Amino acid sequence: MFSAEAEKKIDELLACYPQARSAMLPILYIAQEEKGYLSDDVIEYVAGRMGLTYMDVLTTVSFYTMFYRRPIGQYNIQLCTNVSCWLCGSDDIERHIQRKLGIKVGQTTPD
């Protein structure tokens, strides 16, 4: 499913940790870098390589915002929305970005 180089990195990571689960985040990064996002097939493959269930991997993927479940654009804009950023005007920045790009949060421009 992945390039020989990616498979080698995964093998090295799995050999480094006594429990495969400990290598999950770096392996998911490798998978996402290879495929662009983490589809169901990729998650199933990673789970198999690690000796885990699909749900074990999916819950981790779903928890972290840096993993993508669908294809994304070339550039990904992330905006902090915690209370301190909101008090400093992050909602104004969000509206400006949406107006400039002509898209809503979570969308991708056609180009």
PDB file of N, CA and C in Angstrom:
ATOM      1  N   MET A   1       0.822  -1.199   0.000  1.00  0.00           N
ATOM      2  CA  MET A   1       0.000   0.000   0.000  1.00  0.00           C
ATOM      3  C   MET A   1       0.863   1.259   0.000  1.00  0.00           C
ATOM      4  N   PHE A   2       2.007   1.220   0.680  1.00  0.00           N
ATOM      5  CA  PHE A   2       2.895   2.378   0.745  1.00  0.00           C
ATOM      6  C   PHE A   2       4.171   2.107  -0.039  1.00  0.00           C
ATOM      7  N   SER A   3       4.951   3.151  -0.234  1.00  0.00           N
ATOM      8  CA  SER A   3       6.243   2.990  -0.911  1.00  0.00           C
ATOM      9  C   SER A   3       7.169   2.132  -0.051  1.00  0.00           C
ATOM     10  N   ALA A   4       8.199   1.596  -0.678  1.00  0.00           N
ATOM     11  CA  ALA A   4       9.170   0.769   0.052  1.00  0.00           C
ATOM     12  C   ALA A   4       9.828   1.567   1.170  1.00  0.00           C
ATOM     13  N   GLU A   5      10.092   2.835   0.910  1.00  0.00           N
ATOM     14  CA  GLU A   5      10.715   3.694   1.922  1.00  0.00           C
ATOM     15  C   GLU A   5       9.799   3.886   3.133  1.00  0.00           C
ATOM     16  N   ALA A   6       8.513   4.117   2.877  1.00  0.00           N
ATOM     17  CA  ALA A   6       7.553   4.287   3.971  1.00  0.00           C
ATOM     18  C   ALA A   6       7.402   2.991   4.760  1.00  0.00           C
ATOM     19  N   GLU A   7       7.333   1.868   4.055  1.00  0.00           N
ATOM     20  CA  GLU A   7       7.215   0.570   4.732  1.00  0.00           C
ATOM     21  C   GLU A   7       8.429   0.323   5.628  1.00  0.00           C
ATOM     22  N   LYS A   8       9.603   0.710   5.147  1.00  0.00           N
ATOM     23  CA  LYS A   8      10.825   0.542   5.936  1.00  0.00           C
ATOM     24  C   LYS A   8      10.767   1.392   7.202  1.00  0.00           C
ATOM     25  N   LYS A   9      10.300   2.638   7.076  1.00  0.00           N
ATOM     26  CA  LYS A   9      10.171   3.519   8.245  1.00  0.00           C
ATOM     27  C   LYS A   9       9.189   2.930   9.259  1.00  0.00           C
ATOM     28  N   ILE A  10       8.090   2.386   8.755  1.00  0.00           N
ATOM     29  CA  ILE A  10       7.094   1.772   9.642  1.00  0.00           C
ATOM     30  C   ILE A  10       7.700   0.579  10.367  1.00  0.00           C
ATOM     31  N   ASP A  11       8.424  -0.262   9.642  1.00  0.00           N
ATOM     32  CA  ASP A  11       9.095  -1.410  10.265  1.00  0.00           C
ATOM     33  C   ASP A  11      10.056  -0.953  11.362  1.00  0.00           C
ATOM     34  N   GLU A  12      10.822   0.096  11.082  1.00  0.00           N
ATOM     35  CA  GLU A  12      11.775   0.618  12.068  1.00  0.00           C
ATOM     36  C   GLU A  12      11.055   1.150  13.305  1.00  0.00           C
ATOM     37  N   LEU A  13       9.947   1.848  13.098  1.00  0.00           N
ATOM     38  CA  LEU A  13       9.181   2.364  14.236  1.00  0.00           C
ATOM     39  C   LEU A  13       8.609   1.231  15.076  1.00  0.00           C
ATOM     40  N   LEU A  14       8.048   0.225  14.421  1.00  0.00           N
ATOM     41  CA  LEU A  14       7.478  -0.904  15.158  1.00  0.00           C
ATOM     42  C   LEU A  14       8.548  -1.652  15.944  1.00  0.00           C
ATOM     43  N   ALA A  15       9.763  -1.681  15.426  1.00  0.00           N
ATOM     44  CA  ALA A  15      10.865  -2.354  16.126  1.00  0.00           C
ATOM     45  C   ALA A  15      11.360  -1.541  17.321  1.00  0.00           C
ATOM     46  N   CYS A  16      11.121  -0.244  17.306  1.00  0.00           N
ATOM     47  CA  CYS A  16      11.611   0.642  18.382  1.00  0.00           C
ATOM     48  C   CYS A  16      10.780   0.555  19.661  1.00  0.00           C
ATOM     49  N   TYR A  17       9.521   0.199  19.516  1.00  0.00           N
ATOM     50  CA  TYR A  17       8.609   0.251  20.658  1.00  0.00           C
ATOM     51  C   TYR A  17       8.181  -1.151  21.085  1.00  0.00           C
ATOM     52  N   PRO A  18       8.169  -1.405  22.395  1.00  0.00           N
ATOM     53  CA  PRO A  18       7.725  -2.719  22.859  1.00  0.00           C
ATOM     54  C   PRO A  18       6.237  -2.958  22.577  1.00  0.00           C
ATOM     55  N   GLN A  19       5.453  -1.887  22.548  1.00  0.00           N
ATOM     56  CA  GLN A  19       4.032  -2.000  22.214  1.00  0.00           C
ATOM     57  C   GLN A  19       3.786  -1.222  20.926  1.00  0.00           C
ATOM     58  N   ALA A  20       3.216  -1.861  19.949  1.00  0.00           N
ATOM     59  CA  ALA A  20       2.991  -1.234  18.640  1.00  0.00           C
ATOM     60  C   ALA A  20       2.179   0.051  18.753  1.00  0.00           C
ATOM     61  N   ARG A  21       1.240   0.072  19.688  1.00  0.00           N
ATOM     62  CA  ARG A  21       0.376   1.243  19.866  1.00  0.00           C
ATOM     63  C   ARG A  21       1.194   2.522  20.088  1.00  0.00           C
ATOM     64  N   SER A  22       2.363   2.388  20.690  1.00  0.00           N
ATOM     65  CA  SER A  22       3.213   3.550  20.965  1.00  0.00           C
ATOM     66  C   SER A  22       3.731   4.200  19.685  1.00  0.00           C
ATOM     67  N   ALA A  23       3.751   3.466  18.600  1.00  0.00           N
ATOM     68  CA  ALA A  23       4.245   3.989  17.318  1.00  0.00           C
ATOM     69  C   ALA A  23       3.120   4.543  16.445  1.00  0.00           C
ATOM     70  N   MET A  24       1.906   4.567  16.972  1.00  0.00           N
ATOM     71  CA  MET A  24       0.762   4.912  16.137  1.00  0.00           C
ATOM     72  C   MET A  24       0.854   6.307  15.521  1.00  0.00           C
ATOM     73  N   LEU A  25       1.157   7.328  16.298  1.00  0.00           N
ATOM     74  CA  LEU A  25       1.172   8.684  15.743  1.00  0.00           C
ATOM     75  C   LEU A  25       2.195   8.849  14.628  1.00  0.00           C
ATOM     76  N   PRO A  26       3.449   8.444  14.836  1.00  0.00           N
ATOM     77  CA  PRO A  26       4.381   8.601  13.714  1.00  0.00           C
ATOM     78  C   PRO A  26       4.014   7.749  12.496  1.00  0.00           C
ATOM     79  N   ILE A  27       3.426   6.594  12.718  1.00  0.00           N
ATOM     80  CA  ILE A  27       3.003   5.762  11.583  1.00  0.00           C
ATOM     81  C   ILE A  27       1.853   6.434  10.834  1.00  0.00           C
ATOM     82  N   LEU A  28       0.934   7.035  11.567  1.00  0.00           N
ATOM     83  CA  LEU A  28      -0.163   7.748  10.913  1.00  0.00           C
ATOM     84  C   LEU A  28       0.346   8.948  10.120  1.00  0.00           C
ATOM     85  N   TYR A  29       1.356   9.624  10.643  1.00  0.00           N
ATOM     86  CA  TYR A  29       1.968  10.725   9.886  1.00  0.00           C
ATOM     87  C   TYR A  29       2.562  10.220   8.574  1.00  0.00           C
ATOM     88  N   ILE A  30       3.253   9.098   8.639  1.00  0.00           N
ATOM     89  CA  ILE A  30       3.837   8.505   7.424  1.00  0.00           C
ATOM     90  C   ILE A  30       2.726   8.157   6.433  1.00  0.00           C
ATOM     91  N   ALA A  31       1.664   7.538   6.931  1.00  0.00           N
ATOM     92  CA  ALA A  31       0.550   7.134   6.069  1.00  0.00           C
ATOM     93  C   ALA A  31      -0.095   8.351   5.411  1.00  0.00           C
ATOM     94  N   GLN A  32      -0.304   9.393   6.180  1.00  0.00           N
ATOM     95  CA  GLN A  32      -0.930  10.595   5.633  1.00  0.00           C
ATOM     96  C   GLN A  32      -0.012  11.290   4.626  1.00  0.00           C
ATOM     97  N   GLU A  33       1.262  11.293   4.912  1.00  0.00           N
ATOM     98  CA  GLU A  33       2.223  11.885   3.980  1.00  0.00           C
ATOM     99  C   GLU A  33       2.232  11.124   2.649  1.00  0.00           C
ATOM    100  N   GLU A  34       2.104   9.814   2.730  1.00  0.00           N
ATOM    101  CA  GLU A  34       2.097   8.978   1.524  1.00  0.00           C
ATOM    102  C   GLU A  34       0.823   9.155   0.701  1.00  0.00           C
ATOM    103  N   LYS A  35      -0.316   9.163   1.371  1.00  0.00           N
ATOM    104  CA  LYS A  35      -1.599   9.129   0.665  1.00  0.00           C
ATOM    105  C   LYS A  35      -2.324  10.469   0.616  1.00  0.00           C
ATOM    106  N   GLY A  36      -1.902  11.432   1.432  1.00  0.00           N
ATOM    107  CA  GLY A  36      -2.547  12.740   1.443  1.00  0.00           C
ATOM    108  C   GLY A  36      -3.631  12.874   2.493  1.00  0.00           C
ATOM    109  N   TYR A  37      -4.240  11.772   2.852  1.00  0.00           N
ATOM    110  CA  TYR A  37      -5.261  11.737   3.900  1.00  0.00           C
ATOM    111  C   TYR A  37      -5.417  10.287   4.343  1.00  0.00           C
ATOM    112  N   LEU A  38      -6.193  10.077   5.412  1.00  0.00           N
ATOM    113  CA  LEU A  38      -6.331   8.734   5.982  1.00  0.00           C
ATOM    114  C   LEU A  38      -7.716   8.168   5.661  1.00  0.00           C
ATOM    115  N   SER A  39      -7.793   7.468   4.556  1.00  0.00           N
ATOM    116  CA  SER A  39      -9.046   6.827   4.139  1.00  0.00           C
ATOM    117  C   SER A  39      -9.299   5.596   5.012  1.00  0.00           C
ATOM    118  N   ASP A  40     -10.485   5.015   4.865  1.00  0.00           N
ATOM    119  CA  ASP A  40     -10.800   3.787   5.602  1.00  0.00           C
ATOM    120  C   ASP A  40      -9.811   2.676   5.257  1.00  0.00           C
ATOM    121  N   ASP A  41      -9.446   2.576   3.978  1.00  0.00           N
ATOM    122  CA  ASP A  41      -8.490   1.544   3.556  1.00  0.00           C
ATOM    123  C   ASP A  41      -7.126   1.739   4.212  1.00  0.00           C
ATOM    124  N   VAL A  42      -6.679   2.984   4.298  1.00  0.00           N
ATOM    125  CA  VAL A  42      -5.384   3.273   4.921  1.00  0.00           C
ATOM    126  C   VAL A  42      -5.435   2.945   6.412  1.00  0.00           C
ATOM    127  N   ILE A  43      -6.515   3.326   7.066  1.00  0.00           N
ATOM    128  CA  ILE A  43      -6.658   3.043   8.499  1.00  0.00           C
ATOM    129  C   ILE A  43      -6.674   1.537   8.736  1.00  0.00           C
ATOM    130  N   GLU A  44      -7.398   0.812   7.899  1.00  0.00           N
ATOM    131  CA  GLU A  44      -7.458  -0.654   8.014  1.00  0.00           C
ATOM    132  C   GLU A  44      -6.067  -1.261   7.834  1.00  0.00           C
ATOM    133  N   TYR A  45      -5.318  -0.761   6.868  1.00  0.00           N
ATOM    134  CA  TYR A  45      -3.974  -1.269   6.608  1.00  0.00           C
ATOM    135  C   TYR A  45      -3.046  -0.991   7.788  1.00  0.00           C
ATOM    136  N   VAL A  46      -3.085   0.240   8.290  1.00  0.00           N
ATOM    137  CA  VAL A  46      -2.243   0.609   9.441  1.00  0.00           C
ATOM    138  C   VAL A  46      -2.600  -0.263  10.640  1.00  0.00           C
ATOM    139  N   ALA A  47      -3.891  -0.461  10.875  1.00  0.00           N
ATOM    140  CA  ALA A  47      -4.324  -1.304  11.992  1.00  0.00           C
ATOM    141  C   ALA A  47      -3.756  -2.714  11.846  1.00  0.00           C
ATOM    142  N   GLY A  48      -3.832  -3.261  10.651  1.00  0.00           N
ATOM    143  CA  GLY A  48      -3.293  -4.598  10.409  1.00  0.00           C
ATOM    144  C   GLY A  48      -1.795  -4.675  10.647  1.00  0.00           C
ATOM    145  N   ARG A  49      -1.071  -3.669  10.180  1.00  0.00           N
ATOM    146  CA  ARG A  49       0.384  -3.643  10.370  1.00  0.00           C
ATOM    147  C   ARG A  49       0.749  -3.577  11.843  1.00  0.00           C
ATOM    148  N   MET A  50      -0.100  -2.916  12.633  1.00  0.00           N
ATOM    149  CA  MET A  50       0.198  -2.722  14.048  1.00  0.00           C
ATOM    150  C   MET A  50      -0.413  -3.800  14.934  1.00  0.00           C
ATOM    151  N   GLY A  51      -1.221  -4.674  14.371  1.00  0.00           N
ATOM    152  CA  GLY A  51      -1.884  -5.698  15.171  1.00  0.00           C
ATOM    153  C   GLY A  51      -2.999  -5.125  16.034  1.00  0.00           C
ATOM    154  N   LEU A  52      -3.622  -4.064  15.545  1.00  0.00           N
ATOM    155  CA  LEU A  52      -4.711  -3.411  16.266  1.00  0.00           C
ATOM    156  C   LEU A  52      -5.987  -3.514  15.441  1.00  0.00           C
ATOM    157  N   THR A  53      -7.096  -3.102  16.025  1.00  0.00           N
ATOM    158  CA  THR A  53      -8.352  -3.093  15.284  1.00  0.00           C
ATOM    159  C   THR A  53      -8.500  -1.771  14.536  1.00  0.00           C
ATOM    160  N   TYR A  54      -9.372  -1.793  13.555  1.00  0.00           N
ATOM    161  CA  TYR A  54      -9.706  -0.577  12.811  1.00  0.00           C
ATOM    162  C   TYR A  54     -10.154   0.520  13.778  1.00  0.00           C
ATOM    163  N   MET A  55     -11.001   0.157  14.744  1.00  0.00           N
ATOM    164  CA  MET A  55     -11.531   1.149  15.693  1.00  0.00           C
ATOM    165  C   MET A  55     -10.435   1.729  16.581  1.00  0.00           C
ATOM    166  N   ASP A  56      -9.437   0.923  16.950  1.00  0.00           N
ATOM    167  CA  ASP A  56      -8.313   1.441  17.741  1.00  0.00           C
ATOM    168  C   ASP A  56      -7.642   2.601  17.012  1.00  0.00           C
ATOM    169  N   VAL A  57      -7.413   2.416  15.732  1.00  0.00           N
ATOM    170  CA  VAL A  57      -6.726   3.441  14.942  1.00  0.00           C
ATOM    171  C   VAL A  57      -7.673   4.599  14.632  1.00  0.00           C
ATOM    172  N   LEU A  58      -8.913   4.297  14.286  1.00  0.00           N
ATOM    173  CA  LEU A  58      -9.877   5.343  13.951  1.00  0.00           C
ATOM    174  C   LEU A  58     -10.098   6.301  15.115  1.00  0.00           C
ATOM    175  N   THR A  59     -10.175   5.791  16.338  1.00  0.00           N
ATOM    176  CA  THR A  59     -10.389   6.687  17.480  1.00  0.00           C
ATOM    177  C   THR A  59      -9.218   7.653  17.639  1.00  0.00           C
ATOM    178  N   THR A  60      -8.020   7.201  17.360  1.00  0.00           N
ATOM    179  CA  THR A  60      -6.861   8.093  17.429  1.00  0.00           C
ATOM    180  C   THR A  60      -6.917   9.120  16.306  1.00  0.00           C
ATOM    181  N   VAL A  61      -7.201   8.671  15.099  1.00  0.00           N
ATOM    182  CA  VAL A  61      -7.300   9.581  13.952  1.00  0.00           C
ATOM    183  C   VAL A  61      -8.377  10.634  14.206  1.00  0.00           C
ATOM    184  N   SER A  62      -9.501  10.222  14.759  1.00  0.00           N
ATOM    185  CA  SER A  62     -10.617  11.136  15.008  1.00  0.00           C
ATOM    186  C   SER A  62     -10.312  12.141  16.108  1.00  0.00           C
ATOM    187  N   PHE A  63      -9.454  11.773  17.036  1.00  0.00           N
ATOM    188  CA  PHE A  63      -9.144  12.643  18.172  1.00  0.00           C
ATOM    189  C   PHE A  63      -8.262  13.821  17.766  1.00  0.00           C
ATOM    190  N   TYR A  64      -7.288  13.582  16.911  1.00  0.00           N
ATOM    191  CA  TYR A  64      -6.304  14.605  16.563  1.00  0.00           C
ATOM    192  C   TYR A  64      -6.720  15.384  15.314  1.00  0.00           C
ATOM    193  N   THR A  65      -6.618  16.718  15.411  1.00  0.00           N
ATOM    194  CA  THR A  65      -7.022  17.569  14.292  1.00  0.00           C
ATOM    195  C   THR A  65      -6.015  17.579  13.150  1.00  0.00           C
ATOM    196  N   MET A  66      -4.829  17.070  13.355  1.00  0.00           N
ATOM    197  CA  MET A  66      -3.816  17.106  12.290  1.00  0.00           C
ATOM    198  C   MET A  66      -3.923  15.927  11.327  1.00  0.00           C
ATOM    199  N   PHE A  67      -4.863  15.035  11.575  1.00  0.00           N
ATOM    200  CA  PHE A  67      -5.094  13.930  10.655  1.00  0.00           C
ATOM    201  C   PHE A  67      -6.360  14.212   9.855  1.00  0.00           C
ATOM    202  N   TYR A  68      -6.293  13.970   8.549  1.00  0.00           N
ATOM    203  CA  TYR A  68      -7.392  14.300   7.648  1.00  0.00           C
ATOM    204  C   TYR A  68      -8.049  13.032   7.134  1.00  0.00           C
ATOM    205  N   ARG A  69      -9.393  13.030   7.152  1.00  0.00           N
ATOM    206  CA  ARG A  69     -10.164  11.867   6.717  1.00  0.00           C
ATOM    207  C   ARG A  69     -10.636  11.998   5.274  1.00  0.00           C
ATOM    208  N   ARG A  70     -10.393  13.145   4.674  1.00  0.00           N
ATOM    209  CA  ARG A  70     -10.746  13.344   3.269  1.00  0.00           C
ATOM    210  C   ARG A  70      -9.646  14.181   2.619  1.00  0.00           C
ATOM    211  N   PRO A  71      -9.569  14.167   1.306  1.00  0.00           N
ATOM    212  CA  PRO A  71      -8.517  14.944   0.641  1.00  0.00           C
ATOM    213  C   PRO A  71      -8.622  16.424   0.992  1.00  0.00           C
ATOM    214  N   ILE A  72      -7.468  17.050   1.134  1.00  0.00           N
ATOM    215  CA  ILE A  72      -7.439  18.483   1.432  1.00  0.00           C
ATOM    216  C   ILE A  72      -6.678  19.194   0.318  1.00  0.00           C
ATOM    217  N   GLY A  73      -6.755  20.511   0.320  1.00  0.00           N
ATOM    218  CA  GLY A  73      -6.056  21.309  -0.674  1.00  0.00           C
ATOM    219  C   GLY A  73      -4.557  21.339  -0.421  1.00  0.00           C
ATOM    220  N   GLN A  74      -3.858  22.009  -1.322  1.00  0.00           N
ATOM    221  CA  GLN A  74      -2.398  22.102  -1.205  1.00  0.00           C
ATOM    222  C   GLN A  74      -1.999  22.865   0.050  1.00  0.00           C
ATOM    223  N   TYR A  75      -2.769  23.890   0.381  1.00  0.00           N
ATOM    224  CA  TYR A  75      -2.490  24.678   1.580  1.00  0.00           C
ATOM    225  C   TYR A  75      -3.639  24.500   2.556  1.00  0.00           C
ATOM    226  N   ASN A  76      -3.304  24.279   3.801  1.00  0.00           N
ATOM    227  CA  ASN A  76      -4.301  24.063   4.837  1.00  0.00           C
ATOM    228  C   ASN A  76      -4.178  25.198   5.848  1.00  0.00           C
ATOM    229  N   ILE A  77      -5.230  25.978   5.991  1.00  0.00           N
ATOM    230  CA  ILE A  77      -5.214  27.101   6.929  1.00  0.00           C
ATOM    231  C   ILE A  77      -5.864  26.644   8.225  1.00  0.00           C
ATOM    232  N   GLN A  78      -5.123  26.777   9.317  1.00  0.00           N
ATOM    233  CA  GLN A  78      -5.674  26.456  10.629  1.00  0.00           C
ATOM    234  C   GLN A  78      -5.693  27.726  11.460  1.00  0.00           C
ATOM    235  N   LEU A  79      -6.761  27.921  12.192  1.00  0.00           N
ATOM    236  CA  LEU A  79      -6.940  29.122  12.993  1.00  0.00           C
ATOM    237  C   LEU A  79      -7.290  28.723  14.417  1.00  0.00           C
ATOM    238  N   CYS A  80      -6.565  29.273  15.360  1.00  0.00           N
ATOM    239  CA  CYS A  80      -6.832  28.989  16.769  1.00  0.00           C
ATOM    240  C   CYS A  80      -8.175  29.600  17.156  1.00  0.00           C
ATOM    241  N   THR A  81      -8.990  28.818  17.841  1.00  0.00           N
ATOM    242  CA  THR A  81     -10.304  29.309  18.263  1.00  0.00           C
ATOM    243  C   THR A  81     -10.522  29.161  19.764  1.00  0.00           C
ATOM    244  N   ASN A  82      -9.418  29.000  20.522  1.00  0.00           N
ATOM    245  CA  ASN A  82      -9.625  28.901  21.969  1.00  0.00           C
ATOM    246  C   ASN A  82     -10.012  30.274  22.518  1.00  0.00           C
ATOM    247  N   VAL A  83     -10.363  30.356  23.777  1.00  0.00           N
ATOM    248  CA  VAL A  83     -10.916  31.580  24.359  1.00  0.00           C
ATOM    249  C   VAL A  83      -9.965  32.761  24.232  1.00  0.00           C
ATOM    250  N   SER A  84      -8.696  32.564  24.543  1.00  0.00           N
ATOM    251  CA  SER A  84      -7.764  33.693  24.486  1.00  0.00           C
ATOM    252  C   SER A  84      -7.626  34.222  23.056  1.00  0.00           C
ATOM    253  N   CYS A  85      -7.593  33.351  22.068  1.00  0.00           N
ATOM    254  CA  CYS A  85      -7.511  33.798  20.670  1.00  0.00           C
ATOM    255  C   CYS A  85      -8.815  34.459  20.237  1.00  0.00           C
ATOM    256  N   TRP A  86      -9.926  33.907  20.679  1.00  0.00           N
ATOM    257  CA  TRP A  86     -11.225  34.486  20.348  1.00  0.00           C
ATOM    258  C   TRP A  86     -11.331  35.901  20.909  1.00  0.00           C
ATOM    259  N   LEU A  87     -10.870  36.100  22.147  1.00  0.00           N
ATOM    260  CA  LEU A  87     -10.904  37.430  22.753  1.00  0.00           C
ATOM    261  C   LEU A  87     -10.023  38.425  22.000  1.00  0.00           C
ATOM    262  N   CYS A  88      -9.008  37.925  21.318  1.00  0.00           N
ATOM    263  CA  CYS A  88      -8.110  38.789  20.531  1.00  0.00           C
ATOM    264  C   CYS A  88      -8.589  38.962  19.085  1.00  0.00           C
ATOM    265  N   GLY A  89      -9.734  38.388  18.752  1.00  0.00           N
ATOM    266  CA  GLY A  89     -10.314  38.634  17.435  1.00  0.00           C
ATOM    267  C   GLY A  89     -10.201  37.522  16.413  1.00  0.00           C
ATOM    268  N   SER A  90     -10.003  36.297  16.850  1.00  0.00           N
ATOM    269  CA  SER A  90      -9.869  35.206  15.875  1.00  0.00           C
ATOM    270  C   SER A  90     -11.136  35.024  15.038  1.00  0.00           C
ATOM    271  N   ASP A  91     -12.296  35.358  15.595  1.00  0.00           N
ATOM    272  CA  ASP A  91     -13.535  35.239  14.819  1.00  0.00           C
ATOM    273  C   ASP A  91     -13.568  36.251  13.671  1.00  0.00           C
ATOM    274  N   ASP A  92     -12.989  37.440  13.879  1.00  0.00           N
ATOM    275  CA  ASP A  92     -12.885  38.428  12.796  1.00  0.00           C
ATOM    276  C   ASP A  92     -11.952  37.921  11.697  1.00  0.00           C
ATOM    277  N   ILE A  93     -10.851  37.310  12.107  1.00  0.00           N
ATOM    278  CA  ILE A  93      -9.900  36.753  11.140  1.00  0.00           C
ATOM    279  C   ILE A  93     -10.572  35.632  10.346  1.00  0.00           C
ATOM    280  N   GLU A  94     -11.341  34.791  11.036  1.00  0.00           N
ATOM    281  CA  GLU A  94     -12.050  33.699  10.358  1.00  0.00           C
ATOM    282  C   GLU A  94     -13.003  34.240   9.301  1.00  0.00           C
ATOM    283  N   ARG A  95     -13.781  35.265   9.649  1.00  0.00           N
ATOM    284  CA  ARG A  95     -14.719  35.856   8.690  1.00  0.00           C
ATOM    285  C   ARG A  95     -13.969  36.456   7.490  1.00  0.00           C
ATOM    286  N   HIS A  96     -12.850  37.123   7.765  1.00  0.00           N
ATOM    287  CA  HIS A  96     -12.061  37.725   6.690  1.00  0.00           C
ATOM    288  C   HIS A  96     -11.537  36.649   5.731  1.00  0.00           C
ATOM    289  N   ILE A  97     -11.010  35.571   6.277  1.00  0.00           N
ATOM    290  CA  ILE A  97     -10.495  34.475   5.443  1.00  0.00           C
ATOM    291  C   ILE A  97     -11.619  33.883   4.592  1.00  0.00           C
ATOM    292  N   GLN A  98     -12.775  33.665   5.204  1.00  0.00           N
ATOM    293  CA  GLN A  98     -13.905  33.101   4.466  1.00  0.00           C
ATOM    294  C   GLN A  98     -14.338  34.034   3.331  1.00  0.00           C
ATOM    295  N   ARG A  99     -14.367  35.342   3.613  1.00  0.00           N
ATOM    296  CA  ARG A  99     -14.752  36.317   2.595  1.00  0.00           C
ATOM    297  C   ARG A  99     -13.731  36.347   1.447  1.00  0.00           C
ATOM    298  N   LYS A 100     -12.446  36.373   1.789  1.00  0.00           N
ATOM    299  CA  LYS A 100     -11.380  36.453   0.780  1.00  0.00           C
ATOM    300  C   LYS A 100     -11.337  35.213  -0.108  1.00  0.00           C
ATOM    301  N   LEU A 101     -11.488  34.041   0.495  1.00  0.00           N
ATOM    302  CA  LEU A 101     -11.390  32.793  -0.262  1.00  0.00           C
ATOM    303  C   LEU A 101     -12.722  32.337  -0.854  1.00  0.00           C
ATOM    304  N   GLY A 102     -13.824  32.901  -0.348  1.00  0.00           N
ATOM    305  CA  GLY A 102     -15.137  32.520  -0.847  1.00  0.00           C
ATOM    306  C   GLY A 102     -15.560  31.124  -0.436  1.00  0.00           C
ATOM    307  N   ILE A 103     -15.078  30.673   0.706  1.00  0.00           N
ATOM    308  CA  ILE A 103     -15.428  29.341   1.216  1.00  0.00           C
ATOM    309  C   ILE A 103     -15.739  29.428   2.704  1.00  0.00           C
ATOM    310  N   LYS A 104     -16.359  28.392   3.209  1.00  0.00           N
ATOM    311  CA  LYS A 104     -16.643  28.274   4.641  1.00  0.00           C
ATOM    312  C   LYS A 104     -15.581  27.398   5.300  1.00  0.00           C
ATOM    313  N   VAL A 105     -15.581  27.388   6.622  1.00  0.00           N
ATOM    314  CA  VAL A 105     -14.659  26.540   7.380  1.00  0.00           C
ATOM    315  C   VAL A 105     -14.861  25.084   6.968  1.00  0.00           C
ATOM    316  N   GLY A 106     -13.750  24.386   6.718  1.00  0.00           N
ATOM    317  CA  GLY A 106     -13.799  22.981   6.331  1.00  0.00           C
ATOM    318  C   GLY A 106     -13.898  22.750   4.834  1.00  0.00           C
ATOM    319  N   GLN A 107     -14.060  23.817   4.053  1.00  0.00           N
ATOM    320  CA  GLN A 107     -14.169  23.670   2.606  1.00  0.00           C
ATOM    321  C   GLN A 107     -12.821  23.893   1.928  1.00  0.00           C
ATOM    322  N   THR A 108     -12.761  23.546   0.651  1.00  0.00           N
ATOM    323  CA  THR A 108     -11.554  23.710  -0.158  1.00  0.00           C
ATOM    324  C   THR A 108     -11.900  24.529  -1.392  1.00  0.00           C
ATOM    325  N   THR A 109     -11.019  25.457  -1.748  1.00  0.00           N
ATOM    326  CA  THR A 109     -11.249  26.240  -2.965  1.00  0.00           C
ATOM    327  C   THR A 109     -11.108  25.330  -4.186  1.00  0.00           C
ATOM    328  N   PRO A 110     -11.806  25.652  -5.272  1.00  0.00           N
ATOM    329  CA  PRO A 110     -11.759  24.784  -6.453  1.00  0.00           C
ATOM    330  C   PRO A 110     -10.391  24.701  -7.120  1.00  0.00           C
ATOM    331  N   ASP A 111      -9.550  25.702  -6.917  1.00  0.00           N
ATOM    332  CA  ASP A 111      -8.241  25.680  -7.570  1.00  0.00           C
ATOM    333  C   ASP A 111      -7.291  24.854  -6.748  1.00  0.00           C
TER     334      ASP A 111
END
